[in-house]
């Protein structure tokens, strides 16, 4: 990108540029200096809009979380929970940097609070007491984040021939004497590294346990 024209730098432009860099290089390689270079401005120009890198991280995360649709209102509470969880997973699969941002700063940002408000509201409307609603929200959030982060990493390894070769070599080297069950179930385990079916399987287990606690 060439030098940004005078008086056209804005927080929106900085966030969009930061997001594009995170998408292409990942959050680990992200820096304010890199954003400034992409915009063709000095690094100090960014501090007019953001106090530090964490501030910009939060702004990018809020931008992405703002893309989540609202909780559907015309379905049962389990289907509302499914919609929220599936929507968050899909957004992370589309934008893997979001998984990294949520893992590093999970409680920051207004949009994260908006999503929490929607899910907590569903649980309270279903009749769950405050503690159960809070614990359920945290359990569901960490399930979605953990399962989707695992799925993203496994997909990256499948795209990397060398990483995939190392994984296959490791699995094939396992002794049936030392790891009889792992070796026996290797074909089944290979089908659980991601995908809609595996995600919904775990989500359904959580929802089945939650139904037991549903107020009569």
N, C-alpha and C. Protein backbone atom coordinates (compact mmCIF):
# COMPACT_ATOMS: atom_id res chain seq x y z
N UNK A 1 0.85 -1.20 0.00
CA UNK A 1 0.00 0.00 0.00
C UNK A 1 0.88 1.23 0.00
N UNK A 2 0.52 2.27 -0.76
CA UNK A 2 1.27 3.51 -0.77
C UNK A 2 0.97 4.34 0.46
N UNK A 3 1.59 5.50 0.51
CA UNK A 3 1.37 6.39 1.65
C UNK A 3 -0.09 6.83 1.71
N UNK A 4 -0.67 6.75 2.89
CA UNK A 4 -2.05 7.18 3.08
C UNK A 4 -2.16 8.69 2.89
N UNK A 5 -3.10 9.14 2.05
CA UNK A 5 -3.23 10.59 1.84
C UNK A 5 -3.46 11.33 3.14
N UNK A 6 -2.95 12.56 3.19
CA UNK A 6 -3.09 13.39 4.39
C UNK A 6 -4.56 13.53 4.78
N UNK A 7 -4.83 13.44 6.08
CA UNK A 7 -6.16 13.64 6.65
C UNK A 7 -7.16 12.53 6.32
N UNK A 8 -6.66 11.39 5.81
CA UNK A 8 -7.58 10.28 5.53
C UNK A 8 -7.39 9.11 6.49
N UNK A 9 -6.37 9.19 7.35
CA UNK A 9 -6.17 8.13 8.33
C UNK A 9 -7.31 8.16 9.34
N UNK A 10 -7.83 6.99 9.68
CA UNK A 10 -8.95 6.90 10.62
C UNK A 10 -8.84 5.59 11.39
N UNK A 11 -9.57 5.50 12.49
CA UNK A 11 -9.56 4.26 13.26
C UNK A 11 -10.10 3.10 12.43
N UNK A 12 -11.13 3.37 11.61
CA UNK A 12 -11.70 2.32 10.77
C UNK A 12 -10.68 1.78 9.77
N UNK A 13 -9.92 2.69 9.15
CA UNK A 13 -8.90 2.27 8.18
C UNK A 13 -7.80 1.48 8.87
N UNK A 14 -7.41 1.90 10.05
CA UNK A 14 -6.36 1.19 10.80
C UNK A 14 -6.84 -0.21 11.17
N UNK A 15 -8.07 -0.31 11.66
CA UNK A 15 -8.62 -1.62 12.04
C UNK A 15 -8.70 -2.53 10.82
N UNK A 16 -9.18 -2.01 9.73
CA UNK A 16 -9.30 -2.83 8.51
C UNK A 16 -7.92 -3.32 8.05
N UNK A 17 -6.92 -2.44 8.09
CA UNK A 17 -5.58 -2.82 7.68
C UNK A 17 -4.98 -3.84 8.64
N UNK A 18 -5.17 -3.62 9.94
CA UNK A 18 -4.67 -4.57 10.94
C UNK A 18 -5.31 -5.94 10.75
N UNK A 19 -6.62 -5.94 10.50
CA UNK A 19 -7.33 -7.20 10.29
C UNK A 19 -6.77 -7.95 9.07
N UNK A 20 -6.53 -7.22 7.98
CA UNK A 20 -6.00 -7.85 6.77
C UNK A 20 -4.61 -8.44 7.02
N UNK A 21 -3.79 -7.75 7.81
CA UNK A 21 -2.46 -8.27 8.14
C UNK A 21 -2.56 -9.51 9.02
N UNK A 22 -3.48 -9.49 9.99
CA UNK A 22 -3.67 -10.66 10.84
C UNK A 22 -4.15 -11.86 10.02
N UNK A 23 -5.03 -11.60 9.07
CA UNK A 23 -5.54 -12.67 8.22
C UNK A 23 -4.42 -13.30 7.39
N UNK A 24 -3.51 -12.48 6.91
CA UNK A 24 -2.47 -12.99 6.01
C UNK A 24 -1.25 -13.54 6.75
N UNK A 25 -0.94 -12.96 7.94
CA UNK A 25 0.29 -13.33 8.63
C UNK A 25 0.07 -13.95 10.00
N UNK A 26 -1.15 -13.85 10.54
CA UNK A 26 -1.42 -14.36 11.88
C UNK A 26 -1.10 -13.32 12.94
N UNK A 27 -1.68 -13.49 14.10
CA UNK A 27 -1.49 -12.50 15.16
C UNK A 27 -0.07 -12.52 15.73
N UNK A 28 0.62 -13.67 15.64
CA UNK A 28 1.97 -13.75 16.19
C UNK A 28 2.94 -12.83 15.45
N UNK A 29 2.72 -12.65 14.15
CA UNK A 29 3.62 -11.82 13.35
C UNK A 29 3.12 -10.38 13.25
N UNK A 30 2.02 -10.09 13.93
CA UNK A 30 1.40 -8.76 13.83
C UNK A 30 2.14 -7.74 14.70
N UNK A 31 2.27 -6.51 14.20
CA UNK A 31 2.88 -5.44 14.98
C UNK A 31 2.33 -4.10 14.53
N UNK A 32 2.36 -3.13 15.43
CA UNK A 32 1.94 -1.77 15.06
C UNK A 32 2.84 -1.21 13.97
N UNK A 33 4.11 -1.54 14.03
CA UNK A 33 5.04 -1.06 13.00
C UNK A 33 4.65 -1.61 11.63
N UNK A 34 4.22 -2.86 11.60
CA UNK A 34 3.80 -3.45 10.33
C UNK A 34 2.55 -2.78 9.78
N UNK A 35 1.60 -2.45 10.67
CA UNK A 35 0.39 -1.75 10.24
C UNK A 35 0.75 -0.38 9.68
N UNK A 36 1.63 0.32 10.40
CA UNK A 36 2.04 1.65 9.96
C UNK A 36 2.72 1.58 8.60
N UNK A 37 3.59 0.59 8.41
CA UNK A 37 4.27 0.44 7.13
C UNK A 37 3.28 0.17 6.01
N UNK A 38 2.29 -0.67 6.29
CA UNK A 38 1.27 -0.97 5.28
C UNK A 38 0.49 0.27 4.90
N UNK A 39 0.25 1.15 5.86
CA UNK A 39 -0.50 2.38 5.61
C UNK A 39 0.39 3.50 5.07
N UNK A 40 1.70 3.31 5.14
CA UNK A 40 2.61 4.34 4.67
C UNK A 40 2.70 5.54 5.59
N UNK A 41 2.55 5.29 6.91
CA UNK A 41 2.66 6.36 7.90
C UNK A 41 3.67 5.95 8.96
N UNK A 42 4.08 6.88 9.79
CA UNK A 42 4.96 6.56 10.89
C UNK A 42 4.20 5.86 11.99
N UNK A 43 4.86 4.97 12.75
CA UNK A 43 4.17 4.25 13.83
C UNK A 43 3.48 5.17 14.83
N UNK A 44 4.07 6.35 15.09
CA UNK A 44 3.49 7.25 16.08
C UNK A 44 2.12 7.75 15.65
N UNK A 45 1.85 7.76 14.34
CA UNK A 45 0.54 8.23 13.86
C UNK A 45 -0.59 7.36 14.39
N UNK A 46 -0.32 6.08 14.64
CA UNK A 46 -1.36 5.16 15.11
C UNK A 46 -1.76 5.44 16.54
N UNK A 47 -0.84 6.02 17.32
CA UNK A 47 -1.13 6.25 18.74
C UNK A 47 -2.14 7.37 18.95
N UNK A 48 -2.45 8.10 17.88
CA UNK A 48 -3.54 9.08 17.98
C UNK A 48 -4.88 8.36 18.16
N UNK A 49 -4.96 7.12 17.65
CA UNK A 49 -6.21 6.37 17.64
C UNK A 49 -6.21 5.20 18.62
N UNK A 50 -5.06 4.62 18.88
CA UNK A 50 -4.97 3.44 19.76
C UNK A 50 -3.77 3.59 20.69
N UNK A 51 -4.00 3.31 21.97
CA UNK A 51 -2.95 3.52 22.97
C UNK A 51 -1.80 2.55 22.82
N UNK A 52 -2.11 1.31 22.39
CA UNK A 52 -1.08 0.28 22.27
C UNK A 52 -1.61 -0.87 21.39
N UNK A 53 -0.81 -1.91 21.27
CA UNK A 53 -1.20 -3.03 20.42
C UNK A 53 -2.44 -3.74 20.95
N UNK A 54 -2.56 -3.85 22.27
CA UNK A 54 -3.73 -4.51 22.84
C UNK A 54 -5.02 -3.77 22.47
N UNK A 55 -4.96 -2.45 22.47
CA UNK A 55 -6.13 -1.66 22.07
C UNK A 55 -6.55 -2.00 20.64
N UNK A 56 -5.57 -2.13 19.76
CA UNK A 56 -5.87 -2.46 18.37
C UNK A 56 -6.35 -3.90 18.25
N UNK A 57 -5.75 -4.80 19.02
CA UNK A 57 -6.26 -6.18 19.07
C UNK A 57 -7.76 -6.18 19.40
N UNK A 58 -8.11 -5.43 20.45
CA UNK A 58 -9.50 -5.39 20.90
C UNK A 58 -10.42 -4.82 19.83
N UNK A 59 -9.94 -3.82 19.11
CA UNK A 59 -10.76 -3.21 18.06
C UNK A 59 -11.00 -4.18 16.91
N UNK A 60 -9.97 -4.94 16.54
CA UNK A 60 -10.13 -5.94 15.47
C UNK A 60 -11.09 -7.04 15.92
N UNK A 61 -10.92 -7.49 17.18
CA UNK A 61 -11.82 -8.53 17.69
C UNK A 61 -13.26 -8.03 17.74
N UNK A 62 -13.46 -6.79 18.17
CA UNK A 62 -14.81 -6.23 18.20
C UNK A 62 -15.40 -6.14 16.80
N UNK A 63 -14.57 -5.76 15.84
CA UNK A 63 -15.03 -5.69 14.45
C UNK A 63 -15.54 -7.05 13.99
N UNK A 64 -14.80 -8.11 14.30
CA UNK A 64 -15.20 -9.45 13.86
C UNK A 64 -16.41 -9.96 14.64
N UNK A 65 -16.41 -9.76 15.96
CA UNK A 65 -17.54 -10.23 16.76
C UNK A 65 -18.83 -9.51 16.38
N UNK A 66 -18.70 -8.29 15.88
CA UNK A 66 -19.88 -7.56 15.43
C UNK A 66 -20.54 -8.17 14.21
N UNK A 67 -19.85 -9.11 13.55
CA UNK A 67 -20.41 -9.78 12.37
C UNK A 67 -21.35 -10.92 12.74
N UNK A 68 -21.34 -11.33 14.02
CA UNK A 68 -22.22 -12.42 14.43
C UNK A 68 -23.68 -11.99 14.37
N UNK A 69 -24.55 -12.83 13.83
CA UNK A 69 -25.98 -12.47 13.80
C UNK A 69 -26.59 -12.48 15.18
N UNK A 70 -27.70 -11.81 15.31
CA UNK A 70 -28.42 -11.78 16.59
C UNK A 70 -28.99 -13.17 16.90
N UNK A 71 -29.26 -13.41 18.16
CA UNK A 71 -29.86 -14.68 18.59
C UNK A 71 -31.24 -14.81 17.96
N UNK A 72 -31.56 -15.94 17.29
CA UNK A 72 -32.90 -16.11 16.73
C UNK A 72 -33.94 -16.17 17.84
N UNK A 73 -35.09 -15.58 17.60
CA UNK A 73 -36.11 -15.46 18.64
C UNK A 73 -37.28 -16.43 18.49
N UNK A 74 -37.38 -17.10 17.37
CA UNK A 74 -38.57 -17.92 17.10
C UNK A 74 -38.31 -19.41 17.21
N UNK A 75 -37.28 -19.79 18.01
CA UNK A 75 -36.95 -21.21 18.18
C UNK A 75 -36.80 -21.50 19.67
N UNK A 76 -36.68 -22.78 20.02
CA UNK A 76 -36.53 -23.19 21.41
C UNK A 76 -35.17 -22.75 21.95
N UNK A 77 -35.04 -22.74 23.28
CA UNK A 77 -33.77 -22.29 23.85
C UNK A 77 -32.59 -23.17 23.46
N UNK A 78 -32.73 -24.52 23.35
CA UNK A 78 -31.56 -25.29 22.90
C UNK A 78 -31.13 -24.91 21.48
N UNK A 79 -32.11 -24.62 20.61
CA UNK A 79 -31.76 -24.21 19.25
C UNK A 79 -31.17 -22.81 19.23
N UNK A 80 -31.56 -21.97 20.16
CA UNK A 80 -30.92 -20.65 20.27
C UNK A 80 -29.46 -20.81 20.68
N UNK A 81 -29.21 -21.69 21.65
CA UNK A 81 -27.82 -21.94 22.07
C UNK A 81 -27.02 -22.50 20.90
N UNK A 82 -27.59 -23.45 20.17
CA UNK A 82 -26.90 -24.02 19.01
C UNK A 82 -26.55 -22.93 17.99
N UNK A 83 -27.49 -22.04 17.75
CA UNK A 83 -27.27 -20.98 16.75
C UNK A 83 -26.09 -20.09 17.16
N UNK A 84 -26.04 -19.71 18.43
CA UNK A 84 -24.95 -18.87 18.91
C UNK A 84 -23.61 -19.60 18.78
N UNK A 85 -23.57 -20.84 19.24
CA UNK A 85 -22.31 -21.60 19.23
C UNK A 85 -21.86 -21.91 17.81
N UNK A 86 -22.79 -22.32 16.96
CA UNK A 86 -22.42 -22.60 15.57
C UNK A 86 -21.98 -21.33 14.85
N UNK A 87 -22.64 -20.22 15.14
CA UNK A 87 -22.27 -18.97 14.50
C UNK A 87 -20.87 -18.53 14.88
N UNK A 88 -20.52 -18.67 16.16
CA UNK A 88 -19.19 -18.28 16.61
C UNK A 88 -18.13 -19.20 16.00
N UNK A 89 -18.40 -20.49 15.96
CA UNK A 89 -17.45 -21.42 15.33
C UNK A 89 -17.24 -21.07 13.87
N UNK A 90 -18.32 -20.83 13.14
CA UNK A 90 -18.20 -20.52 11.72
C UNK A 90 -17.38 -19.26 11.50
N UNK A 91 -17.60 -18.25 12.35
CA UNK A 91 -16.86 -17.00 12.21
C UNK A 91 -15.37 -17.24 12.44
N UNK A 92 -15.02 -18.07 13.42
CA UNK A 92 -13.61 -18.37 13.67
C UNK A 92 -12.98 -19.18 12.55
N UNK A 93 -13.76 -20.10 11.96
CA UNK A 93 -13.24 -20.86 10.83
C UNK A 93 -12.99 -19.96 9.62
N UNK A 94 -13.87 -18.98 9.43
CA UNK A 94 -13.69 -18.04 8.32
C UNK A 94 -12.53 -17.08 8.58
N UNK A 95 -12.32 -16.74 9.85
CA UNK A 95 -11.28 -15.78 10.23
C UNK A 95 -10.49 -16.36 11.40
N UNK A 96 -9.52 -17.24 11.13
CA UNK A 96 -8.79 -17.92 12.22
C UNK A 96 -8.12 -16.98 13.22
N UNK A 97 -7.80 -15.75 12.79
CA UNK A 97 -7.16 -14.83 13.74
C UNK A 97 -8.10 -14.52 14.91
N UNK A 98 -9.42 -14.65 14.72
CA UNK A 98 -10.36 -14.39 15.80
C UNK A 98 -10.16 -15.38 16.94
N UNK A 99 -9.88 -16.63 16.61
CA UNK A 99 -9.65 -17.63 17.66
C UNK A 99 -8.45 -17.23 18.51
N UNK A 100 -7.40 -16.73 17.88
CA UNK A 100 -6.21 -16.29 18.62
C UNK A 100 -6.53 -15.06 19.48
N UNK A 101 -7.31 -14.15 18.93
CA UNK A 101 -7.65 -12.94 19.68
C UNK A 101 -8.53 -13.26 20.89
N UNK A 102 -9.48 -14.16 20.72
CA UNK A 102 -10.35 -14.54 21.84
C UNK A 102 -9.58 -15.30 22.90
N UNK A 103 -8.62 -16.12 22.49
CA UNK A 103 -7.83 -16.89 23.45
C UNK A 103 -6.91 -15.98 24.25
N UNK A 104 -6.39 -14.93 23.61
CA UNK A 104 -5.42 -14.08 24.30
C UNK A 104 -6.08 -13.01 25.16
N UNK A 105 -7.26 -12.51 24.72
CA UNK A 105 -7.95 -11.44 25.49
C UNK A 105 -9.46 -11.73 25.46
N UNK A 106 -9.91 -12.78 26.16
CA UNK A 106 -11.29 -13.22 26.03
C UNK A 106 -12.34 -12.29 26.64
N UNK A 107 -11.96 -11.48 27.61
CA UNK A 107 -12.97 -10.72 28.35
C UNK A 107 -13.00 -9.24 27.97
N UNK A 108 -12.22 -8.85 26.99
CA UNK A 108 -12.17 -7.44 26.61
C UNK A 108 -13.12 -7.17 25.45
N UNK A 109 -13.62 -5.94 25.38
CA UNK A 109 -14.39 -5.52 24.21
C UNK A 109 -15.89 -5.57 24.41
N UNK A 110 -16.56 -4.57 23.84
CA UNK A 110 -18.02 -4.48 23.96
C UNK A 110 -18.74 -5.55 23.16
N UNK A 111 -18.21 -5.91 21.99
CA UNK A 111 -18.90 -6.90 21.16
C UNK A 111 -18.88 -8.28 21.78
N UNK A 112 -17.79 -8.62 22.46
CA UNK A 112 -17.75 -9.88 23.19
C UNK A 112 -18.81 -9.88 24.28
N UNK A 113 -18.98 -8.74 24.95
CA UNK A 113 -20.02 -8.62 25.97
C UNK A 113 -21.41 -8.72 25.35
N UNK A 114 -21.57 -8.20 24.13
CA UNK A 114 -22.88 -8.29 23.46
C UNK A 114 -23.25 -9.74 23.19
N UNK A 115 -22.28 -10.53 22.73
CA UNK A 115 -22.53 -11.95 22.48
C UNK A 115 -22.85 -12.67 23.78
N UNK A 116 -22.10 -12.35 24.83
CA UNK A 116 -22.37 -12.95 26.15
C UNK A 116 -23.77 -12.57 26.63
N UNK A 117 -24.15 -11.32 26.42
CA UNK A 117 -25.49 -10.87 26.83
C UNK A 117 -26.57 -11.69 26.14
N UNK A 118 -26.39 -11.96 24.86
CA UNK A 118 -27.38 -12.73 24.13
C UNK A 118 -27.52 -14.15 24.66
N UNK A 119 -26.38 -14.82 24.88
CA UNK A 119 -26.42 -16.20 25.36
C UNK A 119 -26.92 -16.28 26.79
N UNK A 120 -26.44 -15.39 27.64
CA UNK A 120 -26.91 -15.38 29.03
C UNK A 120 -28.41 -15.07 29.11
N UNK A 121 -28.87 -14.18 28.23
CA UNK A 121 -30.30 -13.86 28.20
C UNK A 121 -31.15 -15.07 27.83
N UNK A 122 -30.66 -15.88 26.90
CA UNK A 122 -31.36 -17.12 26.51
C UNK A 122 -31.46 -18.05 27.72
N UNK A 123 -30.35 -18.22 28.41
CA UNK A 123 -30.33 -19.16 29.54
C UNK A 123 -31.21 -18.68 30.69
N UNK A 124 -31.20 -17.39 30.98
CA UNK A 124 -32.04 -16.87 32.05
C UNK A 124 -33.52 -16.96 31.66
N UNK A 125 -33.83 -16.69 30.38
CA UNK A 125 -35.23 -16.78 29.93
C UNK A 125 -35.73 -18.22 29.98
N UNK A 126 -34.80 -19.19 29.85
CA UNK A 126 -35.17 -20.60 29.93
C UNK A 126 -35.43 -21.03 31.37
N UNK A 127 -35.10 -20.16 32.34
CA UNK A 127 -35.40 -20.44 33.73
C UNK A 127 -34.21 -20.84 34.58
N UNK A 128 -33.01 -20.82 34.03
CA UNK A 128 -31.84 -21.21 34.81
C UNK A 128 -31.48 -20.10 35.81
N UNK A 129 -31.06 -20.52 36.98
CA UNK A 129 -30.66 -19.54 38.00
C UNK A 129 -29.36 -18.86 37.58
N UNK A 130 -29.02 -17.73 38.21
CA UNK A 130 -27.85 -16.96 37.79
C UNK A 130 -26.55 -17.76 37.75
N UNK A 131 -26.28 -18.57 38.78
CA UNK A 131 -25.02 -19.30 38.79
C UNK A 131 -24.97 -20.34 37.68
N UNK A 132 -26.08 -21.07 37.46
CA UNK A 132 -26.10 -22.07 36.39
C UNK A 132 -25.94 -21.40 35.03
N UNK A 133 -26.61 -20.27 34.85
CA UNK A 133 -26.50 -19.55 33.57
C UNK A 133 -25.06 -19.10 33.33
N UNK A 134 -24.41 -18.56 34.36
CA UNK A 134 -23.04 -18.08 34.22
C UNK A 134 -22.08 -19.23 33.94
N UNK A 135 -22.21 -20.33 34.70
CA UNK A 135 -21.33 -21.47 34.49
C UNK A 135 -21.55 -22.10 33.11
N UNK A 136 -22.79 -22.16 32.68
CA UNK A 136 -23.09 -22.73 31.37
C UNK A 136 -22.51 -21.87 30.26
N UNK A 137 -22.66 -20.55 30.39
CA UNK A 137 -22.09 -19.65 29.39
C UNK A 137 -20.59 -19.87 29.24
N UNK A 138 -19.87 -19.93 30.36
CA UNK A 138 -18.42 -20.11 30.31
C UNK A 138 -18.06 -21.47 29.73
N UNK A 139 -18.81 -22.51 30.10
CA UNK A 139 -18.56 -23.85 29.58
C UNK A 139 -18.75 -23.89 28.07
N UNK A 140 -19.84 -23.29 27.58
CA UNK A 140 -20.10 -23.28 26.15
C UNK A 140 -19.06 -22.47 25.39
N UNK A 141 -18.69 -21.31 25.94
CA UNK A 141 -17.71 -20.47 25.26
C UNK A 141 -16.37 -21.18 25.14
N UNK A 142 -15.91 -21.80 26.25
CA UNK A 142 -14.62 -22.47 26.20
C UNK A 142 -14.68 -23.71 25.32
N UNK A 143 -15.83 -24.38 25.24
CA UNK A 143 -15.96 -25.50 24.31
C UNK A 143 -15.81 -25.03 22.87
N UNK A 144 -16.54 -24.00 22.51
CA UNK A 144 -16.48 -23.50 21.13
C UNK A 144 -15.07 -23.04 20.79
N UNK A 145 -14.46 -22.28 21.69
CA UNK A 145 -13.12 -21.77 21.42
C UNK A 145 -12.10 -22.90 21.33
N UNK A 146 -12.15 -23.83 22.27
CA UNK A 146 -11.18 -24.93 22.27
C UNK A 146 -11.37 -25.86 21.08
N UNK A 147 -12.61 -26.26 20.82
CA UNK A 147 -12.87 -27.19 19.72
C UNK A 147 -12.51 -26.56 18.37
N UNK A 148 -12.84 -25.29 18.21
CA UNK A 148 -12.58 -24.64 16.93
C UNK A 148 -11.09 -24.35 16.75
N UNK A 149 -10.40 -23.97 17.82
CA UNK A 149 -8.95 -23.77 17.72
C UNK A 149 -8.25 -25.07 17.33
N UNK A 150 -8.68 -26.17 17.93
CA UNK A 150 -8.14 -27.50 17.56
C UNK A 150 -8.41 -27.78 16.09
N UNK A 151 -9.63 -27.51 15.64
CA UNK A 151 -10.01 -27.77 14.25
C UNK A 151 -9.17 -26.93 13.28
N UNK A 152 -8.95 -25.67 13.63
CA UNK A 152 -8.14 -24.79 12.78
C UNK A 152 -6.71 -25.31 12.68
N UNK A 153 -6.15 -25.74 13.82
CA UNK A 153 -4.77 -26.25 13.81
C UNK A 153 -4.66 -27.54 13.02
N UNK A 154 -5.61 -28.44 13.18
CA UNK A 154 -5.57 -29.70 12.44
C UNK A 154 -5.73 -29.46 10.95
N UNK A 155 -6.57 -28.51 10.57
CA UNK A 155 -6.74 -28.19 9.15
C UNK A 155 -5.44 -27.62 8.58
N UNK A 156 -4.74 -26.80 9.37
CA UNK A 156 -3.46 -26.24 8.92
C UNK A 156 -2.43 -27.34 8.73
N UNK A 157 -2.43 -28.32 9.62
CA UNK A 157 -1.48 -29.42 9.49
C UNK A 157 -1.79 -30.29 8.28
N UNK A 158 -3.07 -30.46 7.97
CA UNK A 158 -3.41 -31.24 6.78
C UNK A 158 -2.98 -30.53 5.50
N UNK A 159 -2.96 -29.19 5.54
CA UNK A 159 -2.52 -28.45 4.35
C UNK A 159 -1.00 -28.44 4.21
N UNK A 160 -0.30 -28.78 5.29
CA UNK A 160 1.16 -28.79 5.29
C UNK A 160 1.63 -30.24 5.12
N UNK A 161 2.13 -30.60 3.93
CA UNK A 161 2.51 -32.01 3.69
C UNK A 161 3.51 -32.53 4.71
N UNK A 162 4.47 -31.72 5.11
CA UNK A 162 5.48 -32.18 6.05
C UNK A 162 4.88 -32.42 7.43
N UNK A 163 4.02 -31.50 7.89
CA UNK A 163 3.37 -31.67 9.19
C UNK A 163 2.46 -32.90 9.18
N UNK A 164 1.74 -33.10 8.09
CA UNK A 164 0.85 -34.25 7.99
C UNK A 164 1.65 -35.56 7.97
N UNK A 165 2.81 -35.52 7.29
CA UNK A 165 3.66 -36.71 7.25
C UNK A 165 4.17 -37.05 8.65
N UNK A 166 4.56 -36.02 9.41
CA UNK A 166 5.05 -36.27 10.78
C UNK A 166 3.95 -36.86 11.65
N UNK A 167 2.72 -36.34 11.49
CA UNK A 167 1.61 -36.86 12.29
C UNK A 167 1.33 -38.32 11.96
N UNK A 168 1.31 -38.64 10.67
CA UNK A 168 1.06 -40.03 10.26
C UNK A 168 2.18 -40.95 10.75
N UNK A 169 3.41 -40.46 10.67
CA UNK A 169 4.55 -41.26 11.14
C UNK A 169 4.43 -41.54 12.63
N UNK A 170 4.03 -40.52 13.38
CA UNK A 170 3.86 -40.70 14.83
C UNK A 170 2.79 -41.74 15.14
N UNK A 171 1.65 -41.63 14.46
CA UNK A 171 0.56 -42.58 14.71
C UNK A 171 0.97 -44.00 14.32
N UNK A 172 1.66 -44.14 13.19
CA UNK A 172 2.05 -45.46 12.71
C UNK A 172 3.14 -46.09 13.57
N UNK A 173 3.87 -45.25 14.32
CA UNK A 173 4.96 -45.77 15.15
C UNK A 173 4.47 -46.25 16.51
N UNK A 174 3.21 -45.99 16.85
CA UNK A 174 2.70 -46.39 18.15
C UNK A 174 2.61 -47.91 18.25
N UNK A 175 3.05 -48.42 19.36
CA UNK A 175 3.04 -49.85 19.60
C UNK A 175 1.66 -50.29 20.07
N UNK A 176 1.12 -51.34 19.43
CA UNK A 176 -0.17 -51.88 19.84
C UNK A 176 -0.09 -52.50 21.23
N UNK A 177 1.11 -52.87 21.67
CA UNK A 177 1.28 -53.42 23.01
C UNK A 177 1.17 -52.31 24.06
N UNK A 178 1.78 -51.16 23.78
CA UNK A 178 1.78 -50.06 24.75
C UNK A 178 0.52 -49.20 24.68
N UNK A 179 -0.04 -49.08 23.48
CA UNK A 179 -1.21 -48.22 23.28
C UNK A 179 -2.30 -48.98 22.51
N UNK A 180 -2.79 -50.08 23.08
CA UNK A 180 -3.71 -50.94 22.32
C UNK A 180 -5.00 -50.23 21.90
N UNK A 181 -5.57 -49.41 22.77
CA UNK A 181 -6.86 -48.77 22.45
C UNK A 181 -6.67 -47.66 21.44
N UNK A 182 -5.60 -46.88 21.57
CA UNK A 182 -5.34 -45.82 20.59
C UNK A 182 -5.13 -46.42 19.21
N UNK A 183 -4.35 -47.49 19.13
CA UNK A 183 -4.09 -48.12 17.84
C UNK A 183 -5.38 -48.70 17.26
N UNK A 184 -6.16 -49.34 18.10
CA UNK A 184 -7.42 -49.93 17.64
C UNK A 184 -8.37 -48.88 17.09
N UNK A 185 -8.43 -47.74 17.76
CA UNK A 185 -9.40 -46.71 17.38
C UNK A 185 -8.80 -45.63 16.47
N UNK A 186 -7.63 -45.85 15.93
CA UNK A 186 -6.98 -44.84 15.08
C UNK A 186 -7.87 -44.39 13.92
N UNK A 187 -8.56 -45.30 13.21
CA UNK A 187 -9.42 -44.83 12.12
C UNK A 187 -10.56 -43.94 12.62
N UNK A 188 -11.16 -44.33 13.76
CA UNK A 188 -12.24 -43.53 14.31
C UNK A 188 -11.72 -42.17 14.80
N UNK A 189 -10.56 -42.16 15.45
CA UNK A 189 -9.98 -40.91 15.94
C UNK A 189 -9.68 -39.95 14.79
N UNK A 190 -9.27 -40.49 13.67
CA UNK A 190 -8.94 -39.63 12.53
C UNK A 190 -10.15 -38.88 12.00
N UNK A 191 -11.34 -39.38 12.32
CA UNK A 191 -12.56 -38.72 11.86
C UNK A 191 -13.12 -37.72 12.87
N UNK A 192 -12.38 -37.50 13.94
CA UNK A 192 -12.87 -36.59 14.98
C UNK A 192 -12.06 -35.31 15.08
N UNK A 193 -11.24 -35.03 14.07
CA UNK A 193 -10.35 -33.86 14.15
C UNK A 193 -11.04 -32.56 13.77
N UNK A 194 -12.29 -32.62 13.36
CA UNK A 194 -13.01 -31.40 13.02
C UNK A 194 -14.25 -31.71 12.20
N UNK A 195 -14.89 -30.66 11.74
CA UNK A 195 -16.08 -30.82 10.92
C UNK A 195 -17.36 -30.60 11.71
N UNK A 196 -18.44 -30.37 10.98
CA UNK A 196 -19.73 -30.09 11.60
C UNK A 196 -20.20 -31.22 12.50
N UNK A 197 -20.03 -32.46 12.04
CA UNK A 197 -20.55 -33.61 12.80
C UNK A 197 -19.87 -33.71 14.16
N UNK A 198 -18.54 -33.55 14.19
CA UNK A 198 -17.82 -33.65 15.46
C UNK A 198 -18.19 -32.50 16.39
N UNK A 199 -18.28 -31.29 15.84
CA UNK A 199 -18.63 -30.13 16.67
C UNK A 199 -20.02 -30.31 17.27
N UNK A 200 -20.99 -30.71 16.45
CA UNK A 200 -22.35 -30.88 16.95
C UNK A 200 -22.44 -32.03 17.94
N UNK A 201 -21.60 -33.05 17.78
CA UNK A 201 -21.59 -34.15 18.74
C UNK A 201 -21.25 -33.64 20.14
N UNK A 202 -20.20 -32.85 20.23
CA UNK A 202 -19.81 -32.30 21.52
C UNK A 202 -20.84 -31.33 22.06
N UNK A 203 -21.38 -30.49 21.18
CA UNK A 203 -22.39 -29.52 21.61
C UNK A 203 -23.65 -30.22 22.11
N UNK A 204 -24.05 -31.29 21.43
CA UNK A 204 -25.23 -32.03 21.87
C UNK A 204 -25.01 -32.69 23.24
N UNK A 205 -23.79 -33.16 23.49
CA UNK A 205 -23.50 -33.73 24.81
C UNK A 205 -23.69 -32.68 25.90
N UNK A 206 -23.20 -31.48 25.64
CA UNK A 206 -23.36 -30.40 26.62
C UNK A 206 -24.83 -30.05 26.81
N UNK A 207 -25.56 -29.98 25.73
CA UNK A 207 -26.98 -29.62 25.83
C UNK A 207 -27.79 -30.70 26.53
N UNK A 208 -27.43 -31.97 26.30
CA UNK A 208 -28.13 -33.05 26.99
C UNK A 208 -27.92 -32.94 28.49
N UNK A 209 -26.69 -32.64 28.91
CA UNK A 209 -26.43 -32.46 30.33
C UNK A 209 -27.17 -31.26 30.88
N UNK A 210 -27.31 -30.21 30.07
CA UNK A 210 -27.99 -29.00 30.52
C UNK A 210 -29.50 -29.24 30.66
N UNK A 211 -30.06 -30.05 29.80
CA UNK A 211 -31.49 -30.35 29.88
C UNK A 211 -31.86 -30.99 31.22
N UNK A 212 -30.94 -31.78 31.77
CA UNK A 212 -31.18 -32.42 33.07
C UNK A 212 -31.40 -31.36 34.15
N UNK A 213 -30.77 -30.19 33.96
CA UNK A 213 -30.87 -29.13 34.96
C UNK A 213 -31.95 -28.12 34.62
N UNK A 214 -32.69 -28.36 33.54
CA UNK A 214 -33.71 -27.42 33.15
C UNK A 214 -34.78 -27.33 34.23
N UNK A 215 -35.10 -26.13 34.68
CA UNK A 215 -36.17 -25.99 35.69
C UNK A 215 -37.48 -26.52 35.16
N UNK A 216 -38.23 -27.20 36.02
CA UNK A 216 -39.51 -27.76 35.60
C UNK A 216 -40.53 -26.63 35.42
